[in-house]
Amino acid sequence: MSFSYGVKEELSRQPSKNCCQKAELAALVRMAGTIRIVGGEKKVLLQVQTVHAPTARRVYKLMRKTFQSPVQVAVKRNNFLKDKRLYIISIDMNCCKNFMEEFGIIPQNEAGELKRAVINSDLVKKNCCKRAFLRGAFLGGGSVSDPKGPYHMESVTQYEDMVNILTGIINYFGLKSNVVERKNNYVIYLKDGDHISDLLGLMGAHNNLLKYENVR
């Protein structure tokens, strides 16, 4: 198990308040969510896909707590990583559309176009919600290198609004991040070992923070 996987496993078990659950779920959906039309009846689903089983369990639990609707989980073989499974968590868009519009995950009345949405800043007014948002973003699209090698932590997103809100939160806590474009994505990354340690603590990965510091 990689260090990055272990961090996600720990983060997926973190307890959180209701406001923090919404912030974390919003970040997860924005980083790893898609809207799909399926079936002959053209049913519209919100889907979150991940190869990490702990993240899949976290998304499932957060959706169950947030929405009064059945949440489905499918497991498929990953076409790109043959040794890993792809977990797909789905929910009917009719049951979560208000939540997604309210918090800027999708633009109002334009459910099919994620790129034009802007995250609602009210979602991360509290410090606890800022930390939860960072946690969700890392679970949805983040990774961290093994502390034995060069220090590197990153989150990858397609959306410029996520770049702005993530770098804003990271700066708010006094940490330094950089942004680079990679193909059609934005990569928010940290190279400073101390700042990576601080960010692990902010997200709630305290056990892995200790492991990280022991190796350093």
N, C-alpha and C. Protein backbone atom coordinates (compact mmCIF):
# COMPACT_ATOMS: atom_id res chain seq x y z
N MET A 1 0.85 -1.20 0.00
CA MET A 1 0.00 0.00 0.00
C MET A 1 0.88 1.24 0.00
N SER A 2 0.62 2.16 -0.92
CA SER A 2 1.41 3.38 -1.01
C SER A 2 1.08 4.32 0.15
N PHE A 3 1.98 5.26 0.37
CA PHE A 3 1.74 6.25 1.42
C PHE A 3 0.50 7.07 1.10
N SER A 4 0.33 7.43 -0.17
CA SER A 4 -0.82 8.21 -0.58
C SER A 4 -2.12 7.47 -0.31
N TYR A 5 -2.14 6.16 -0.58
CA TYR A 5 -3.33 5.35 -0.32
C TYR A 5 -3.63 5.32 1.17
N GLY A 6 -2.57 5.19 1.99
CA GLY A 6 -2.76 5.17 3.43
C GLY A 6 -3.34 6.47 3.96
N VAL A 7 -2.91 7.59 3.40
CA VAL A 7 -3.47 8.89 3.79
C VAL A 7 -4.96 8.93 3.47
N LYS A 8 -5.34 8.49 2.27
CA LYS A 8 -6.75 8.51 1.89
C LYS A 8 -7.57 7.56 2.76
N GLU A 9 -6.98 6.44 3.10
CA GLU A 9 -7.69 5.50 3.97
C GLU A 9 -7.98 6.13 5.33
N GLU A 10 -7.00 6.84 5.88
CA GLU A 10 -7.22 7.51 7.17
C GLU A 10 -8.24 8.64 7.04
N LEU A 11 -8.12 9.44 5.99
CA LEU A 11 -9.05 10.55 5.81
C LEU A 11 -10.49 10.06 5.64
N SER A 12 -10.66 8.91 5.03
CA SER A 12 -12.01 8.39 4.78
C SER A 12 -12.72 7.98 6.07
N ARG A 13 -11.97 7.89 7.16
CA ARG A 13 -12.58 7.50 8.45
C ARG A 13 -12.80 8.69 9.39
N GLN A 14 -12.49 9.89 8.94
CA GLN A 14 -12.56 11.05 9.82
C GLN A 14 -14.02 11.41 10.15
N PRO A 15 -14.34 11.61 11.44
CA PRO A 15 -15.68 12.09 11.80
C PRO A 15 -15.81 13.56 11.40
N SER A 16 -17.03 14.00 11.12
CA SER A 16 -17.21 15.40 10.73
C SER A 16 -18.63 15.86 11.03
N LYS A 17 -18.76 17.18 11.22
CA LYS A 17 -20.07 17.78 11.48
C LYS A 17 -20.85 17.89 10.18
N ASN A 18 -22.13 18.21 10.29
CA ASN A 18 -23.00 18.26 9.12
C ASN A 18 -22.50 19.28 8.10
N CYS A 19 -22.09 20.48 8.57
CA CYS A 19 -21.61 21.51 7.64
C CYS A 19 -20.34 21.05 6.94
N CYS A 20 -19.49 20.35 7.67
CA CYS A 20 -18.25 19.86 7.10
C CYS A 20 -18.49 18.74 6.09
N GLN A 21 -19.49 17.92 6.36
CA GLN A 21 -19.83 16.85 5.42
C GLN A 21 -20.24 17.43 4.08
N LYS A 22 -20.99 18.53 4.09
CA LYS A 22 -21.42 19.17 2.85
C LYS A 22 -20.22 19.74 2.10
N ALA A 23 -19.31 20.37 2.82
CA ALA A 23 -18.12 20.94 2.20
C ALA A 23 -17.25 19.85 1.58
N GLU A 24 -17.08 18.77 2.31
CA GLU A 24 -16.25 17.66 1.82
C GLU A 24 -16.88 17.01 0.60
N LEU A 25 -18.20 16.78 0.66
CA LEU A 25 -18.88 16.15 -0.46
C LEU A 25 -18.84 17.05 -1.70
N ALA A 26 -19.01 18.35 -1.51
CA ALA A 26 -18.95 19.28 -2.63
C ALA A 26 -17.59 19.21 -3.32
N ALA A 27 -16.51 19.17 -2.53
CA ALA A 27 -15.16 19.09 -3.11
C ALA A 27 -14.96 17.76 -3.83
N LEU A 28 -15.42 16.68 -3.24
CA LEU A 28 -15.30 15.36 -3.87
C LEU A 28 -16.01 15.32 -5.22
N VAL A 29 -17.23 15.83 -5.24
CA VAL A 29 -18.02 15.81 -6.47
C VAL A 29 -17.37 16.71 -7.53
N ARG A 30 -16.89 17.86 -7.11
CA ARG A 30 -16.28 18.80 -8.07
C ARG A 30 -14.99 18.22 -8.65
N MET A 31 -14.25 17.44 -7.85
CA MET A 31 -12.99 16.88 -8.32
C MET A 31 -13.19 15.59 -9.12
N ALA A 32 -14.14 14.77 -8.72
CA ALA A 32 -14.25 13.42 -9.31
C ALA A 32 -15.63 13.09 -9.85
N GLY A 33 -16.53 14.07 -9.89
CA GLY A 33 -17.90 13.80 -10.30
C GLY A 33 -18.16 14.08 -11.77
N THR A 34 -19.12 13.36 -12.33
CA THR A 34 -19.59 13.59 -13.69
C THR A 34 -21.11 13.45 -13.70
N ILE A 35 -21.74 14.06 -14.68
CA ILE A 35 -23.18 13.93 -14.86
C ILE A 35 -23.40 13.10 -16.13
N ARG A 36 -24.14 12.01 -16.00
CA ARG A 36 -24.32 11.09 -17.13
C ARG A 36 -25.80 10.83 -17.39
N ILE A 37 -26.12 10.67 -18.66
CA ILE A 37 -27.45 10.26 -19.07
C ILE A 37 -27.38 8.78 -19.42
N VAL A 38 -28.18 7.95 -18.76
CA VAL A 38 -28.10 6.50 -18.95
C VAL A 38 -29.49 5.93 -19.22
N GLY A 39 -29.50 4.78 -19.85
CA GLY A 39 -30.75 4.05 -20.04
C GLY A 39 -31.63 4.62 -21.14
N GLY A 40 -32.58 3.82 -21.54
CA GLY A 40 -33.52 4.22 -22.58
C GLY A 40 -34.41 5.38 -22.18
N GLU A 41 -34.62 5.54 -20.87
CA GLU A 41 -35.46 6.63 -20.39
C GLU A 41 -34.68 7.92 -20.17
N LYS A 42 -33.39 7.90 -20.55
CA LYS A 42 -32.52 9.06 -20.39
C LYS A 42 -32.49 9.58 -18.96
N LYS A 43 -32.29 8.66 -18.03
CA LYS A 43 -32.18 9.01 -16.63
C LYS A 43 -30.86 9.74 -16.39
N VAL A 44 -30.90 10.85 -15.65
CA VAL A 44 -29.71 11.63 -15.39
C VAL A 44 -29.15 11.28 -14.01
N LEU A 45 -27.89 10.90 -13.97
CA LEU A 45 -27.24 10.48 -12.73
C LEU A 45 -26.03 11.35 -12.43
N LEU A 46 -25.80 11.60 -11.16
CA LEU A 46 -24.53 12.12 -10.69
C LEU A 46 -23.67 10.93 -10.32
N GLN A 47 -22.47 10.84 -10.88
CA GLN A 47 -21.58 9.73 -10.59
C GLN A 47 -20.22 10.23 -10.12
N VAL A 48 -19.69 9.55 -9.12
CA VAL A 48 -18.33 9.80 -8.66
C VAL A 48 -17.54 8.51 -8.87
N GLN A 49 -16.41 8.60 -9.57
CA GLN A 49 -15.60 7.43 -9.87
C GLN A 49 -14.25 7.51 -9.17
N THR A 50 -13.80 6.39 -8.64
CA THR A 50 -12.51 6.35 -7.96
C THR A 50 -11.97 4.93 -7.98
N VAL A 51 -10.64 4.80 -7.95
CA VAL A 51 -10.02 3.48 -7.85
C VAL A 51 -9.69 3.15 -6.40
N HIS A 52 -9.96 4.07 -5.49
CA HIS A 52 -9.64 3.88 -4.07
C HIS A 52 -10.89 3.45 -3.31
N ALA A 53 -10.88 2.23 -2.79
CA ALA A 53 -12.04 1.71 -2.07
C ALA A 53 -12.41 2.56 -0.86
N PRO A 54 -11.44 3.05 -0.06
CA PRO A 54 -11.82 3.90 1.08
C PRO A 54 -12.53 5.18 0.66
N THR A 55 -12.09 5.77 -0.45
CA THR A 55 -12.75 6.97 -0.95
C THR A 55 -14.16 6.65 -1.41
N ALA A 56 -14.34 5.52 -2.06
CA ALA A 56 -15.68 5.10 -2.50
C ALA A 56 -16.62 4.94 -1.30
N ARG A 57 -16.12 4.34 -0.24
CA ARG A 57 -16.95 4.19 0.97
C ARG A 57 -17.30 5.55 1.56
N ARG A 58 -16.34 6.46 1.54
CA ARG A 58 -16.59 7.80 2.08
C ARG A 58 -17.67 8.53 1.27
N VAL A 59 -17.56 8.48 -0.05
CA VAL A 59 -18.55 9.13 -0.91
C VAL A 59 -19.93 8.53 -0.66
N TYR A 60 -19.99 7.22 -0.57
CA TYR A 60 -21.26 6.53 -0.33
C TYR A 60 -21.90 7.00 0.98
N LYS A 61 -21.10 7.06 2.04
CA LYS A 61 -21.62 7.47 3.35
C LYS A 61 -22.08 8.92 3.34
N LEU A 62 -21.30 9.79 2.72
CA LEU A 62 -21.66 11.20 2.67
C LEU A 62 -22.94 11.41 1.87
N MET A 63 -23.09 10.70 0.77
CA MET A 63 -24.31 10.82 -0.02
C MET A 63 -25.52 10.29 0.75
N ARG A 64 -25.33 9.20 1.45
CA ARG A 64 -26.44 8.63 2.22
C ARG A 64 -26.91 9.60 3.30
N LYS A 65 -25.96 10.30 3.92
CA LYS A 65 -26.30 11.25 4.99
C LYS A 65 -26.90 12.54 4.45
N THR A 66 -26.53 12.91 3.22
CA THR A 66 -26.93 14.21 2.68
C THR A 66 -28.23 14.15 1.89
N PHE A 67 -28.46 13.06 1.17
CA PHE A 67 -29.61 12.97 0.27
C PHE A 67 -30.58 11.87 0.70
N GLN A 68 -31.86 12.16 0.55
CA GLN A 68 -32.91 11.18 0.86
C GLN A 68 -33.23 10.39 -0.41
N SER A 69 -32.27 9.63 -0.87
CA SER A 69 -32.45 8.88 -2.10
C SER A 69 -31.50 7.69 -2.11
N PRO A 70 -31.87 6.59 -2.78
CA PRO A 70 -30.96 5.44 -2.87
C PRO A 70 -29.66 5.80 -3.56
N VAL A 71 -28.57 5.29 -3.03
CA VAL A 71 -27.24 5.49 -3.62
C VAL A 71 -26.75 4.15 -4.12
N GLN A 72 -26.34 4.09 -5.37
CA GLN A 72 -25.90 2.84 -5.97
C GLN A 72 -24.38 2.80 -6.10
N VAL A 73 -23.83 1.60 -5.92
CA VAL A 73 -22.39 1.40 -6.08
C VAL A 73 -22.15 0.28 -7.08
N ALA A 74 -21.31 0.54 -8.07
CA ALA A 74 -20.93 -0.47 -9.04
C ALA A 74 -19.41 -0.61 -9.03
N VAL A 75 -18.94 -1.83 -9.26
CA VAL A 75 -17.51 -2.10 -9.29
C VAL A 75 -17.17 -2.69 -10.65
N LYS A 76 -16.22 -2.07 -11.35
CA LYS A 76 -15.83 -2.54 -12.67
C LYS A 76 -14.32 -2.69 -12.74
N ARG A 77 -13.88 -3.46 -13.72
CA ARG A 77 -12.45 -3.57 -13.98
C ARG A 77 -11.97 -2.26 -14.60
N ASN A 78 -10.84 -1.78 -14.11
CA ASN A 78 -10.26 -0.55 -14.62
C ASN A 78 -9.51 -0.84 -15.92
N ASN A 79 -9.92 -0.19 -17.01
CA ASN A 79 -9.31 -0.44 -18.32
C ASN A 79 -7.87 0.06 -18.40
N PHE A 80 -7.53 1.06 -17.56
CA PHE A 80 -6.19 1.63 -17.61
C PHE A 80 -5.26 0.97 -16.60
N LEU A 81 -5.78 0.63 -15.45
CA LEU A 81 -4.99 -0.02 -14.40
C LEU A 81 -5.59 -1.41 -14.16
N LYS A 82 -5.06 -2.41 -14.83
CA LYS A 82 -5.67 -3.73 -14.84
C LYS A 82 -5.74 -4.38 -13.46
N ASP A 83 -4.80 -3.99 -12.57
CA ASP A 83 -4.77 -4.61 -11.26
C ASP A 83 -5.66 -3.89 -10.25
N LYS A 84 -6.39 -2.85 -10.70
CA LYS A 84 -7.24 -2.11 -9.78
C LYS A 84 -8.68 -2.09 -10.28
N ARG A 85 -9.60 -1.99 -9.33
CA ARG A 85 -11.01 -1.90 -9.67
C ARG A 85 -11.44 -0.44 -9.70
N LEU A 86 -12.46 -0.16 -10.48
CA LEU A 86 -13.03 1.17 -10.56
C LEU A 86 -14.38 1.15 -9.84
N TYR A 87 -14.52 2.02 -8.84
CA TYR A 87 -15.75 2.12 -8.07
C TYR A 87 -16.56 3.30 -8.58
N ILE A 88 -17.82 3.07 -8.87
CA ILE A 88 -18.71 4.11 -9.39
C ILE A 88 -19.90 4.27 -8.45
N ILE A 89 -20.00 5.44 -7.82
CA ILE A 89 -21.09 5.72 -6.89
C ILE A 89 -22.07 6.65 -7.60
N SER A 90 -23.34 6.26 -7.67
CA SER A 90 -24.32 6.98 -8.47
C SER A 90 -25.55 7.35 -7.65
N ILE A 91 -26.14 8.51 -8.00
CA ILE A 91 -27.39 8.95 -7.39
C ILE A 91 -28.18 9.73 -8.44
N ASP A 92 -29.49 9.64 -8.37
CA ASP A 92 -30.36 10.35 -9.30
C ASP A 92 -30.17 11.86 -9.14
N MET A 93 -29.93 12.57 -10.24
CA MET A 93 -29.70 14.00 -10.19
C MET A 93 -30.90 14.77 -9.63
N ASN A 94 -32.09 14.26 -9.84
CA ASN A 94 -33.29 14.94 -9.33
C ASN A 94 -33.26 15.06 -7.81
N CYS A 95 -32.54 14.17 -7.16
CA CYS A 95 -32.51 14.13 -5.69
C CYS A 95 -31.38 14.99 -5.10
N CYS A 96 -30.46 15.44 -5.92
CA CYS A 96 -29.33 16.21 -5.38
C CYS A 96 -29.10 17.52 -6.14
N LYS A 97 -29.95 17.83 -7.12
CA LYS A 97 -29.75 19.00 -7.96
C LYS A 97 -29.79 20.30 -7.15
N ASN A 98 -30.73 20.41 -6.19
CA ASN A 98 -30.82 21.63 -5.37
C ASN A 98 -29.53 21.85 -4.58
N PHE A 99 -29.01 20.77 -3.99
CA PHE A 99 -27.76 20.84 -3.22
C PHE A 99 -26.62 21.32 -4.12
N MET A 100 -26.53 20.76 -5.32
CA MET A 100 -25.43 21.07 -6.23
C MET A 100 -25.52 22.49 -6.77
N GLU A 101 -26.73 22.98 -6.98
CA GLU A 101 -26.90 24.36 -7.43
C GLU A 101 -26.61 25.34 -6.30
N GLU A 102 -27.10 25.02 -5.09
CA GLU A 102 -26.93 25.92 -3.95
C GLU A 102 -25.47 26.17 -3.64
N PHE A 103 -24.65 25.14 -3.74
CA PHE A 103 -23.24 25.28 -3.36
C PHE A 103 -22.31 25.45 -4.56
N GLY A 104 -22.89 25.69 -5.74
CA GLY A 104 -22.07 26.03 -6.89
C GLY A 104 -21.32 24.88 -7.52
N ILE A 105 -21.77 23.66 -7.26
CA ILE A 105 -21.13 22.51 -7.90
C ILE A 105 -21.54 22.45 -9.37
N ILE A 106 -22.79 22.82 -9.64
CA ILE A 106 -23.26 23.03 -11.00
C ILE A 106 -23.94 24.39 -11.05
N PRO A 107 -23.96 25.04 -12.21
CA PRO A 107 -24.66 26.32 -12.32
C PRO A 107 -26.16 26.11 -12.29
N GLN A 108 -26.89 27.05 -11.79
CA GLN A 108 -28.34 26.94 -11.73
C GLN A 108 -28.91 26.84 -13.14
N ASN A 109 -29.83 25.87 -13.28
CA ASN A 109 -30.57 25.65 -14.53
C ASN A 109 -29.68 25.23 -15.70
N GLU A 110 -28.43 24.83 -15.41
CA GLU A 110 -27.55 24.35 -16.47
C GLU A 110 -26.84 23.09 -15.98
N ALA A 111 -27.64 22.09 -15.62
CA ALA A 111 -27.10 20.91 -14.95
C ALA A 111 -26.11 20.12 -15.80
N GLY A 112 -26.13 20.30 -17.10
CA GLY A 112 -25.24 19.52 -17.94
C GLY A 112 -23.87 20.13 -18.16
N GLU A 113 -23.59 21.30 -17.62
CA GLU A 113 -22.34 21.99 -17.91
C GLU A 113 -21.61 22.34 -16.63
N LEU A 114 -20.72 21.44 -16.20
CA LEU A 114 -20.00 21.66 -14.95
C LEU A 114 -19.00 22.80 -15.04
N LYS A 115 -18.43 23.04 -16.20
CA LYS A 115 -17.31 23.98 -16.31
C LYS A 115 -17.72 25.41 -15.99
N ARG A 116 -19.00 25.72 -16.08
CA ARG A 116 -19.43 27.10 -15.84
C ARG A 116 -19.85 27.33 -14.39
N ALA A 117 -19.72 26.34 -13.56
CA ALA A 117 -20.10 26.48 -12.16
C ALA A 117 -18.97 27.13 -11.36
N VAL A 118 -19.34 27.77 -10.26
CA VAL A 118 -18.37 28.38 -9.35
C VAL A 118 -18.79 28.03 -7.92
N ILE A 119 -17.88 27.44 -7.16
CA ILE A 119 -18.18 27.01 -5.80
C ILE A 119 -18.62 28.20 -4.95
N ASN A 120 -19.68 28.00 -4.19
CA ASN A 120 -20.22 29.02 -3.30
C ASN A 120 -19.28 29.20 -2.10
N SER A 121 -18.80 30.41 -1.89
CA SER A 121 -17.84 30.66 -0.80
C SER A 121 -18.46 30.43 0.58
N ASP A 122 -19.79 30.49 0.68
CA ASP A 122 -20.45 30.24 1.97
C ASP A 122 -20.18 28.82 2.46
N LEU A 123 -19.87 27.94 1.54
CA LEU A 123 -19.62 26.55 1.89
C LEU A 123 -18.40 26.40 2.79
N VAL A 124 -17.44 27.31 2.69
CA VAL A 124 -16.18 27.18 3.43
C VAL A 124 -15.93 28.41 4.31
N LYS A 125 -16.98 28.96 4.87
CA LYS A 125 -16.82 30.12 5.77
C LYS A 125 -16.10 29.73 7.06
N LYS A 126 -16.45 28.57 7.62
CA LYS A 126 -15.85 28.13 8.88
C LYS A 126 -14.52 27.44 8.62
N ASN A 127 -13.61 27.55 9.60
CA ASN A 127 -12.32 26.88 9.47
C ASN A 127 -12.46 25.37 9.35
N CYS A 128 -13.40 24.80 10.10
CA CYS A 128 -13.59 23.35 10.04
C CYS A 128 -14.05 22.93 8.65
N CYS A 129 -14.86 23.77 8.01
CA CYS A 129 -15.34 23.46 6.66
C CYS A 129 -14.23 23.64 5.63
N LYS A 130 -13.35 24.59 5.86
CA LYS A 130 -12.18 24.75 4.98
C LYS A 130 -11.34 23.49 5.01
N ARG A 131 -11.10 22.94 6.21
CA ARG A 131 -10.31 21.72 6.33
C ARG A 131 -11.02 20.55 5.66
N ALA A 132 -12.34 20.48 5.83
CA ALA A 132 -13.12 19.40 5.21
C ALA A 132 -13.07 19.50 3.69
N PHE A 133 -13.10 20.73 3.17
CA PHE A 133 -13.04 20.93 1.72
C PHE A 133 -11.69 20.45 1.18
N LEU A 134 -10.62 20.77 1.89
CA LEU A 134 -9.29 20.27 1.51
C LEU A 134 -9.25 18.75 1.52
N ARG A 135 -9.87 18.17 2.53
CA ARG A 135 -9.91 16.71 2.63
C ARG A 135 -10.65 16.10 1.43
N GLY A 136 -11.81 16.66 1.09
CA GLY A 136 -12.57 16.16 -0.03
C GLY A 136 -11.83 16.30 -1.35
N ALA A 137 -11.15 17.43 -1.52
CA ALA A 137 -10.38 17.65 -2.75
C ALA A 137 -9.25 16.64 -2.88
N PHE A 138 -8.59 16.34 -1.76
CA PHE A 138 -7.50 15.36 -1.81
C PHE A 138 -8.05 13.96 -2.10
N LEU A 139 -9.15 13.60 -1.45
CA LEU A 139 -9.75 12.28 -1.71
C LEU A 139 -10.19 12.16 -3.17
N GLY A 140 -10.69 13.26 -3.73
CA GLY A 140 -11.21 13.21 -5.08
C GLY A 140 -10.17 13.30 -6.18
N GLY A 141 -9.05 13.95 -5.91
CA GLY A 141 -8.07 14.12 -6.98
C GLY A 141 -6.67 14.40 -6.52
N GLY A 142 -6.31 13.94 -5.32
CA GLY A 142 -5.00 14.26 -4.76
C GLY A 142 -4.09 13.07 -4.61
N SER A 143 -2.81 13.36 -4.38
CA SER A 143 -1.81 12.34 -4.10
C SER A 143 -0.65 12.99 -3.36
N VAL A 144 0.11 12.16 -2.66
CA VAL A 144 1.29 12.64 -1.95
C VAL A 144 2.38 11.59 -2.08
N SER A 145 3.60 12.03 -2.32
CA SER A 145 4.71 11.10 -2.53
C SER A 145 5.15 10.48 -1.21
N ASP A 146 5.81 9.34 -1.32
CA ASP A 146 6.40 8.70 -0.15
C ASP A 146 7.44 9.64 0.45
N PRO A 147 7.44 9.82 1.78
CA PRO A 147 8.38 10.77 2.41
C PRO A 147 9.85 10.38 2.26
N LYS A 148 10.15 9.17 1.80
CA LYS A 148 11.54 8.78 1.59
C LYS A 148 12.15 9.48 0.38
N GLY A 149 11.28 9.84 -0.58
CA GLY A 149 11.76 10.48 -1.80
C GLY A 149 11.57 11.98 -1.77
N PRO A 150 11.64 12.64 -2.94
CA PRO A 150 11.39 14.09 -3.00
C PRO A 150 9.99 14.41 -2.50
N TYR A 151 9.86 15.49 -1.75
CA TYR A 151 8.57 15.87 -1.19
C TYR A 151 7.67 16.44 -2.28
N HIS A 152 6.48 15.89 -2.41
CA HIS A 152 5.55 16.37 -3.42
C HIS A 152 4.13 15.97 -3.04
N MET A 153 3.23 16.93 -3.08
CA MET A 153 1.81 16.70 -2.82
C MET A 153 1.03 17.50 -3.84
N GLU A 154 -0.01 16.89 -4.43
CA GLU A 154 -0.75 17.60 -5.47
C GLU A 154 -2.21 17.21 -5.50
N SER A 155 -3.01 18.09 -6.09
CA SER A 155 -4.40 17.82 -6.42
C SER A 155 -4.63 18.27 -7.84
N VAL A 156 -5.37 17.46 -8.61
CA VAL A 156 -5.57 17.71 -10.03
C VAL A 156 -7.05 17.97 -10.30
N THR A 157 -7.32 19.04 -11.04
CA THR A 157 -8.70 19.40 -11.35
C THR A 157 -8.79 19.98 -12.76
N GLN A 158 -9.97 19.87 -13.36
CA GLN A 158 -10.22 20.48 -14.67
C GLN A 158 -10.67 21.94 -14.54
N TYR A 159 -11.06 22.33 -13.32
CA TYR A 159 -11.84 23.55 -13.17
C TYR A 159 -11.05 24.67 -12.50
N GLU A 160 -11.10 25.84 -13.14
CA GLU A 160 -10.34 26.98 -12.64
C GLU A 160 -10.87 27.48 -11.30
N ASP A 161 -12.19 27.36 -11.08
CA ASP A 161 -12.73 27.81 -9.80
C ASP A 161 -12.21 26.97 -8.65
N MET A 162 -11.94 25.67 -8.91
CA MET A 162 -11.36 24.83 -7.86
C MET A 162 -9.93 25.23 -7.57
N VAL A 163 -9.20 25.65 -8.59
CA VAL A 163 -7.84 26.15 -8.38
C VAL A 163 -7.88 27.36 -7.45
N ASN A 164 -8.79 28.28 -7.73
CA ASN A 164 -8.86 29.51 -6.94
C ASN A 164 -9.24 29.24 -5.49
N ILE A 165 -10.23 28.36 -5.28
CA ILE A 165 -10.69 28.14 -3.91
C ILE A 165 -9.68 27.30 -3.13
N LEU A 166 -9.05 26.32 -3.78
CA LEU A 166 -8.07 25.49 -3.07
C LEU A 166 -6.81 26.29 -2.72
N THR A 167 -6.29 27.04 -3.66
CA THR A 167 -5.11 27.85 -3.35
C THR A 167 -5.45 28.92 -2.32
N GLY A 168 -6.67 29.45 -2.37
CA GLY A 168 -7.09 30.44 -1.38
C GLY A 168 -7.12 29.87 0.03
N ILE A 169 -7.64 28.64 0.16
CA ILE A 169 -7.71 27.99 1.47
C ILE A 169 -6.30 27.64 1.96
N ILE A 170 -5.48 27.11 1.06
CA ILE A 170 -4.09 26.77 1.43
C ILE A 170 -3.34 28.01 1.90
N ASN A 171 -3.50 29.12 1.19
CA ASN A 171 -2.86 30.37 1.59
C ASN A 171 -3.42 30.89 2.92
N TYR A 172 -4.72 30.70 3.11
CA TYR A 172 -5.37 31.15 4.34
C TYR A 172 -4.70 30.52 5.57
N PHE A 173 -4.28 29.28 5.44
CA PHE A 173 -3.64 28.59 6.56
C PHE A 173 -2.12 28.82 6.58
N GLY A 174 -1.65 29.77 5.78
CA GLY A 174 -0.24 30.14 5.82
C GLY A 174 0.70 29.21 5.08
N LEU A 175 0.17 28.42 4.15
CA LEU A 175 0.98 27.47 3.39
C LEU A 175 1.18 27.98 1.97
N LYS A 176 2.19 27.44 1.30
CA LYS A 176 2.55 27.89 -0.05
C LYS A 176 2.28 26.78 -1.06
N SER A 177 1.47 27.10 -2.07
CA SER A 177 1.21 26.14 -3.14
C SER A 177 1.52 26.80 -4.48
N ASN A 178 1.71 25.97 -5.49
CA ASN A 178 1.94 26.44 -6.85
C ASN A 178 0.95 25.77 -7.78
N VAL A 179 0.76 26.36 -8.96
CA VAL A 179 -0.18 25.81 -9.93
C VAL A 179 0.50 25.71 -11.28
N VAL A 180 0.29 24.58 -11.95
CA VAL A 180 0.81 24.39 -13.30
C VAL A 180 -0.28 23.72 -14.13
N GLU A 181 -0.33 24.03 -15.41
CA GLU A 181 -1.26 23.38 -16.32
C GLU A 181 -0.61 22.15 -16.92
N ARG A 182 -1.34 21.03 -16.87
CA ARG A 182 -0.84 19.77 -17.42
C ARG A 182 -1.91 19.23 -18.36
N LYS A 183 -1.65 19.31 -19.65
CA LYS A 183 -2.64 18.94 -20.66
C LYS A 183 -3.89 19.79 -20.46
N ASN A 184 -5.03 19.16 -20.16
CA ASN A 184 -6.27 19.93 -19.99
C ASN A 184 -6.62 20.12 -18.52
N ASN A 185 -5.67 19.89 -17.63
CA ASN A 185 -5.92 19.97 -16.19
C ASN A 185 -5.04 21.02 -15.52
N TYR A 186 -5.47 21.43 -14.33
CA TYR A 186 -4.67 22.26 -13.45
C TYR A 186 -4.14 21.38 -12.32
N VAL A 187 -2.87 21.57 -11.98
CA VAL A 187 -2.26 20.83 -10.88
C VAL A 187 -1.84 21.81 -9.80
N ILE A 188 -2.44 21.67 -8.60
CA ILE A 188 -2.06 22.48 -7.44
C ILE A 188 -1.09 21.64 -6.63
N TYR A 189 0.13 22.11 -6.41
CA TYR A 189 1.12 21.25 -5.76
C TYR A 189 1.91 21.99 -4.69
N LEU A 190 2.44 21.20 -3.75
CA LEU A 190 3.34 21.68 -2.70
C LEU A 190 4.61 20.88 -2.74
N LYS A 191 5.74 21.54 -2.53
CA LYS A 191 7.05 20.88 -2.54
C LYS A 191 7.76 20.97 -1.19
N ASP A 192 7.30 21.87 -0.35
CA ASP A 192 7.95 22.08 0.95
C ASP A 192 7.49 21.00 1.94
N GLY A 193 8.44 20.26 2.51
CA GLY A 193 8.10 19.17 3.42
C GLY A 193 7.32 19.63 4.64
N ASP A 194 7.67 20.79 5.20
CA ASP A 194 6.96 21.31 6.36
C ASP A 194 5.51 21.65 6.01
N HIS A 195 5.32 22.23 4.85
CA HIS A 195 3.97 22.61 4.45
C HIS A 195 3.12 21.39 4.14
N ILE A 196 3.73 20.35 3.58
CA ILE A 196 3.00 19.11 3.34
C ILE A 196 2.57 18.50 4.67
N SER A 197 3.47 18.52 5.65
CA SER A 197 3.13 18.02 6.98
C SER A 197 1.95 18.79 7.57
N ASP A 198 1.99 20.11 7.46
CA ASP A 198 0.91 20.94 7.99
C ASP A 198 -0.41 20.63 7.29
N LEU A 199 -0.36 20.42 5.98
CA LEU A 199 -1.59 20.15 5.25
C LEU A 199 -2.15 18.79 5.60
N LEU A 200 -1.31 17.81 5.82
CA LEU A 200 -1.78 16.50 6.29
C LEU A 200 -2.52 16.65 7.62
N GLY A 201 -1.97 17.47 8.51
CA GLY A 201 -2.63 17.70 9.79
C GLY A 201 -3.94 18.44 9.65
N LEU A 202 -3.98 19.43 8.77
CA LEU A 202 -5.22 20.20 8.56
C LEU A 202 -6.34 19.30 8.04
N MET A 203 -6.00 18.37 7.16
CA MET A 203 -7.01 17.48 6.60
C MET A 203 -7.48 16.43 7.60
N GLY A 204 -6.65 16.14 8.60
CA GLY A 204 -7.02 15.16 9.62
C GLY A 204 -6.26 13.85 9.54
N ALA A 205 -5.20 13.79 8.73
CA ALA A 205 -4.41 12.55 8.59
C ALA A 205 -3.30 12.52 9.63
N HIS A 206 -3.67 12.49 10.90
CA HIS A 206 -2.69 12.65 11.98
C HIS A 206 -1.76 11.45 12.12
N ASN A 207 -2.26 10.25 11.94
CA ASN A 207 -1.40 9.07 12.05
C ASN A 207 -0.36 9.06 10.93
N ASN A 208 -0.80 9.39 9.72
CA ASN A 208 0.15 9.41 8.62
C ASN A 208 1.08 10.62 8.70
N LEU A 209 0.63 11.68 9.34
CA LEU A 209 1.50 12.81 9.60
C LEU A 209 2.68 12.37 10.48
N LEU A 210 2.40 11.59 11.50
CA LEU A 210 3.47 11.09 12.36
C LEU A 210 4.43 10.18 11.60
N LYS A 211 3.88 9.32 10.72
CA LYS A 211 4.73 8.48 9.89
C LYS A 211 5.61 9.31 8.98
N TYR A 212 5.01 10.35 8.42
CA TYR A 212 5.73 11.25 7.51
C TYR A 212 6.90 11.92 8.24
N GLU A 213 6.63 12.39 9.44
CA GLU A 213 7.67 13.08 10.22
C GLU A 213 8.73 12.10 10.69
N ASN A 214 8.35 10.89 11.04
CA ASN A 214 9.34 9.89 11.47
C ASN A 214 10.32 9.59 10.36
N VAL A 215 9.81 9.45 9.14
CA VAL A 215 10.70 9.16 8.00
C VAL A 215 11.59 10.36 7.71
N ARG A 216 11.03 11.57 7.79
CA ARG A 216 11.82 12.78 7.54
C ARG A 216 12.94 12.90 8.56
